[in-house]
Amino acid sequence: MSAQATRLLIVDDDPDIRSLLADYLQGYGMQCLTVADGQAMRACLAQERVDLIILDLMLPGEDGLALCRQLRAEGDTPIVMLTARGETADRVVGLELGADDYVVKPFDPRELVARIHTILRRSRRNGAPLEVQEVHFAGWTLHHIKREVTTPEQLLVPLSHAEYRLLCVFLERPQRVLSREQLLDAARGRAIEAFDRSIDLLVSRLRQKLGDDPKAPRLLKTVRGEGYLLDCKVE
């Protein structure tokens, strides 16, 4: 961790949650700014540097998903979604929009601290300049800077934030079976429950982008009882 104190922005319309979170996280040496809605969030970000944003999903006016989309369009500041919703579909939407993690209330504050540290370590590693700007696999090309892929027919296919990071995990470990836990841990910087099915939906969406037949996939193959495998060479 940097010697400079980590600065967090907590966006939640519940003043008790804002206060409790700020007090707890400050006990771990983090500086916390707190706001109640999207308008106040933008005003704060215009004036302050923050290392990570804790963003509640259920907010008055603009909800957390809309704000997450805006934040990701403007930059790469890590985002942790905080919500009472626990359905897999809600988690996937948040991750697709670019959230780095998804914490369901009620939660153990110590777990949140651990996730924050993990996300920030990954963010600072990933902030280094890319040595390789393109990766080639099975006739496809991944462009790191633009976060899009080119088909073998030279058509551009944009990737969501989550799709890009998941594809990077597969490309870093080609022809190796990766469990659901390994995939989400590598792509999100966190460990998940053994029965969390979010990764299945994310893999399905990535297959669609790569034109991979879900009934007989050629690239992202399912290994029954174990996980998934990228079955091609990577250059």
Protein backbone atom coordinates (compact mmCIF):
# COMPACT_ATOMS: atom_id res chain seq x y z
CA MET A 1 0.00 0.00 0.00
CA SER A 2 1.11 3.54 -0.62
CA ALA A 3 2.38 5.61 2.28
CA GLN A 4 -0.27 8.13 1.35
CA ALA A 5 -3.56 7.41 3.14
CA THR A 6 -6.20 5.66 1.07
CA ARG A 7 -9.12 8.01 0.35
CA LEU A 8 -12.60 6.55 -0.03
CA LEU A 9 -15.88 8.11 -1.12
CA ILE A 10 -19.00 6.54 0.41
CA VAL A 11 -22.21 7.23 -1.54
CA ASP A 12 -25.27 6.14 0.47
CA ASP A 13 -28.54 7.93 1.28
CA ASP A 14 -28.69 6.37 4.78
CA PRO A 15 -26.83 8.70 7.17
CA ASP A 16 -26.39 5.95 9.77
CA ILE A 17 -24.69 3.64 7.27
CA ARG A 18 -22.46 6.46 6.01
CA SER A 19 -21.39 7.30 9.55
CA LEU A 20 -20.84 3.70 10.67
CA LEU A 21 -18.85 2.81 7.55
CA ALA A 22 -16.71 5.94 7.75
CA ASP A 23 -15.94 5.41 11.44
CA TYR A 24 -15.03 1.76 10.89
CA LEU A 25 -12.86 2.31 7.81
CA GLN A 26 -11.09 5.27 9.37
CA GLY A 27 -10.06 2.85 12.13
CA TYR A 28 -8.02 1.09 9.43
CA GLY A 29 -6.24 4.28 8.44
CA MET A 30 -8.48 5.20 5.51
CA GLN A 31 -9.76 8.71 4.91
CA CYS A 32 -13.51 8.74 4.18
CA LEU A 33 -15.64 11.28 2.38
CA THR A 34 -19.41 10.74 2.50
CA VAL A 35 -22.28 11.96 0.30
CA ALA A 36 -25.96 11.04 -0.04
CA ASP A 37 -26.64 11.05 -3.80
CA GLY A 38 -25.25 11.29 -7.30
CA GLN A 39 -25.27 15.06 -7.52
CA ALA A 40 -23.24 15.37 -4.33
CA MET A 41 -20.94 12.58 -5.56
CA ARG A 42 -20.09 14.47 -8.74
CA ALA A 43 -19.50 17.70 -6.82
CA CYS A 44 -17.15 15.88 -4.45
CA LEU A 45 -15.21 14.16 -7.23
CA ALA A 46 -14.75 17.49 -9.00
CA GLN A 47 -12.86 18.74 -5.95
CA GLU A 48 -11.30 15.67 -4.32
CA ARG A 49 -9.01 12.78 -5.24
CA VAL A 50 -10.34 9.38 -4.19
CA ASP A 51 -8.85 5.90 -4.54
CA LEU A 52 -12.11 3.92 -4.36
CA ILE A 53 -15.85 4.56 -4.32
CA ILE A 54 -18.35 2.60 -2.21
CA LEU A 55 -21.62 3.07 -4.06
CA ASP A 56 -25.06 2.09 -2.79
CA LEU A 57 -27.40 0.65 -5.41
CA MET A 58 -30.66 2.08 -4.07
CA LEU A 59 -30.29 5.87 -4.17
CA PRO A 60 -32.84 8.65 -4.62
CA GLY A 61 -32.93 10.05 -8.16
CA GLU A 62 -30.12 8.37 -10.11
CA ASP A 63 -29.59 4.85 -8.83
CA GLY A 64 -26.24 3.21 -8.23
CA LEU A 65 -26.20 1.37 -11.55
CA ALA A 66 -26.65 4.59 -13.53
CA LEU A 67 -23.92 6.27 -11.49
CA CYS A 68 -21.63 3.26 -11.92
CA ARG A 69 -22.07 3.50 -15.70
CA GLN A 70 -21.19 7.21 -15.63
CA LEU A 71 -18.16 6.70 -13.40
CA ARG A 72 -16.79 3.93 -15.59
CA ALA A 73 -17.27 5.98 -18.75
CA GLU A 74 -15.18 8.75 -17.19
CA GLY A 75 -12.39 6.77 -15.57
CA ASP A 76 -11.12 3.65 -13.82
CA THR A 77 -11.55 4.52 -10.14
CA PRO A 78 -12.41 1.22 -8.41
CA ILE A 79 -16.07 0.83 -7.42
CA VAL A 80 -17.64 -1.40 -4.78
CA MET A 81 -21.43 -1.72 -5.11
CA LEU A 82 -23.23 -1.83 -1.76
CA THR A 83 -26.79 -3.10 -1.71
CA ALA A 84 -29.46 -5.15 0.00
CA ARG A 85 -30.12 -6.99 -3.26
CA GLY A 86 -28.50 -10.40 -3.45
CA GLU A 87 -29.81 -11.87 -6.69
CA THR A 88 -27.23 -13.14 -9.18
CA ALA A 89 -28.71 -11.05 -12.00
CA ASP A 90 -28.23 -7.84 -10.01
CA ARG A 91 -24.61 -8.73 -9.29
CA VAL A 92 -23.92 -9.45 -12.94
CA VAL A 93 -25.46 -6.14 -14.06
CA GLY A 94 -23.27 -4.24 -11.61
CA LEU A 95 -20.15 -6.09 -12.70
CA GLU A 96 -21.01 -5.67 -16.38
CA LEU A 97 -21.25 -1.92 -15.85
CA GLY A 98 -17.75 -1.89 -14.40
CA ALA A 99 -18.07 -2.40 -10.65
CA ASP A 100 -15.06 -4.15 -9.14
CA ASP A 101 -16.99 -5.90 -6.40
CA TYR A 102 -20.51 -6.31 -5.07
CA VAL A 103 -21.19 -6.43 -1.31
CA VAL A 104 -24.63 -7.49 -0.09
CA LYS A 105 -26.05 -6.07 3.16
CA PRO A 106 -25.74 -7.17 5.88
CA PHE A 107 -22.00 -7.78 5.62
CA ASP A 108 -18.99 -8.15 7.90
CA PRO A 109 -17.06 -4.84 7.87
CA ARG A 110 -13.80 -6.78 8.16
CA GLU A 111 -14.62 -8.53 4.88
CA LEU A 112 -15.24 -5.16 3.24
CA VAL A 113 -11.83 -3.94 4.42
CA ALA A 114 -10.15 -7.06 3.00
CA ARG A 115 -11.92 -6.60 -0.34
CA ILE A 116 -10.96 -2.93 -0.49
CA HIS A 117 -7.29 -3.79 0.05
CA THR A 118 -7.43 -6.54 -2.61
CA ILE A 119 -9.13 -4.29 -5.17
CA LEU A 120 -6.63 -1.48 -4.60
CA ARG A 121 -3.67 -3.83 -4.99
CA ARG A 122 -5.06 -5.07 -8.29
CA SER A 123 -5.90 -1.55 -9.42
CA ARG A 124 -2.38 -0.30 -8.75
CA ARG A 125 -0.82 -3.28 -10.54
CA ASN A 126 -3.13 -2.84 -13.50
CA GLY A 127 -2.36 0.86 -13.64
CA ALA A 128 1.12 0.12 -14.95
CA PRO A 129 1.65 0.74 -18.68
CA LEU A 130 0.74 -2.24 -20.82
CA GLU A 131 3.79 -3.88 -22.36
CA VAL A 132 1.62 -5.71 -24.89
CA GLN A 133 -1.17 -3.72 -26.52
CA GLU A 134 -2.63 -6.58 -28.56
CA VAL A 135 -3.15 -10.29 -28.01
CA HIS A 136 -3.98 -12.72 -30.82
CA PHE A 137 -5.98 -15.92 -30.36
CA ALA A 138 -7.88 -18.19 -32.78
CA GLY A 139 -7.93 -15.48 -35.46
CA TRP A 140 -9.22 -12.88 -32.99
CA THR A 141 -7.31 -9.87 -31.65
CA LEU A 142 -7.84 -8.26 -28.26
CA HIS A 143 -6.94 -4.55 -28.18
CA HIS A 144 -6.04 -3.65 -24.59
CA ILE A 145 -6.16 0.12 -24.96
CA LYS A 146 -9.63 0.25 -26.56
CA ARG A 147 -10.88 -2.84 -24.72
CA GLU A 148 -12.40 -4.37 -27.82
CA VAL A 149 -11.81 -7.42 -29.98
CA THR A 150 -11.46 -7.80 -33.73
CA THR A 151 -13.07 -10.82 -35.36
CA PRO A 152 -11.22 -12.97 -37.91
CA GLU A 153 -13.21 -10.97 -40.52
CA GLN A 154 -11.76 -7.72 -39.06
CA LEU A 155 -15.02 -6.54 -37.49
CA LEU A 156 -14.77 -4.64 -34.21
CA VAL A 157 -16.69 -5.98 -31.21
CA PRO A 158 -16.80 -3.80 -28.07
CA LEU A 159 -16.49 -5.46 -24.68
CA SER A 160 -18.05 -4.46 -21.40
CA HIS A 161 -15.72 -3.83 -18.47
CA ALA A 162 -16.53 -7.26 -17.02
CA GLU A 163 -16.18 -9.07 -20.36
CA TYR A 164 -12.79 -7.48 -20.98
CA ARG A 165 -11.40 -8.46 -17.59
CA LEU A 166 -12.76 -11.99 -17.83
CA LEU A 167 -11.26 -12.46 -21.29
CA CYS A 168 -7.92 -11.23 -19.97
CA VAL A 169 -8.00 -13.93 -17.29
CA PHE A 170 -8.58 -16.64 -19.90
CA LEU A 171 -5.86 -15.26 -22.18
CA GLU A 172 -3.35 -15.21 -19.33
CA ARG A 173 -4.06 -18.90 -18.66
CA PRO A 174 -4.84 -20.56 -22.01
CA GLN A 175 -5.56 -24.29 -22.23
CA ARG A 176 -5.91 -24.55 -18.45
CA VAL A 177 -9.07 -25.50 -16.59
CA LEU A 178 -10.15 -22.64 -14.32
CA SER A 179 -12.78 -23.07 -11.64
CA ARG A 180 -15.60 -20.56 -11.19
CA GLU A 181 -13.94 -19.40 -7.96
CA GLN A 182 -10.58 -18.89 -9.71
CA LEU A 183 -12.19 -16.93 -12.55
CA LEU A 184 -14.10 -14.50 -10.38
CA ASP A 185 -11.24 -14.19 -7.92
CA ALA A 186 -8.84 -13.30 -10.74
CA ALA A 187 -11.26 -11.07 -12.63
CA ARG A 188 -12.64 -9.25 -9.58
CA GLY A 189 -9.88 -9.62 -7.03
CA ARG A 190 -12.12 -11.49 -4.60
CA ALA A 191 -13.10 -14.99 -3.51
CA ILE A 192 -16.75 -15.97 -3.86
CA GLU A 193 -19.16 -18.53 -2.48
CA ALA A 194 -18.82 -21.96 -4.09
CA PHE A 195 -22.38 -21.84 -5.43
CA ASP A 196 -22.33 -18.33 -6.85
CA ARG A 197 -23.45 -18.67 -10.51
CA SER A 198 -22.50 -15.15 -11.60
CA ILE A 199 -19.54 -16.48 -13.55
CA ASP A 200 -21.78 -18.70 -15.66
CA LEU A 201 -23.73 -15.69 -16.90
CA LEU A 202 -20.55 -13.72 -17.55
CA VAL A 203 -19.02 -16.58 -19.53
CA SER A 204 -22.25 -16.89 -21.52
CA ARG A 205 -22.10 -13.19 -22.45
CA LEU A 206 -18.45 -13.43 -23.42
CA ARG A 207 -19.23 -16.45 -25.60
CA GLN A 208 -21.87 -14.41 -27.42
CA LYS A 209 -19.35 -11.65 -28.12
CA LEU A 210 -16.87 -14.22 -29.46
CA GLY A 211 -19.49 -15.97 -31.60
CA ASP A 212 -18.99 -19.19 -29.64
CA ASP A 213 -21.91 -21.62 -29.94
CA PRO A 214 -23.10 -22.27 -26.34
CA LYS A 215 -24.19 -25.80 -27.29
CA ALA A 216 -20.83 -26.69 -28.85
CA PRO A 217 -18.30 -24.00 -27.89
CA ARG A 218 -14.95 -24.05 -29.68
CA LEU A 219 -13.13 -21.43 -27.59
CA LEU A 220 -14.58 -21.24 -24.06
CA LYS A 221 -15.29 -24.85 -23.23
CA THR A 222 -17.14 -26.09 -20.17
CA VAL A 223 -15.35 -28.78 -18.18
CA ARG A 224 -18.13 -30.50 -16.27
CA GLY A 225 -17.73 -30.32 -12.53
CA GLU A 226 -14.53 -28.26 -12.79
CA GLY A 227 -15.00 -24.96 -14.62
CA TYR A 228 -14.00 -23.47 -17.98
CA LEU A 229 -11.12 -23.72 -20.43
CA LEU A 230 -9.90 -21.41 -23.20
CA ASP A 231 -9.02 -23.99 -25.87
CA CYS A 232 -6.64 -22.19 -28.24
CA LYS A 233 -3.12 -20.85 -28.51
CA VAL A 234 -2.43 -17.25 -27.48
CA GLU A 235 0.17 -15.05 -29.14
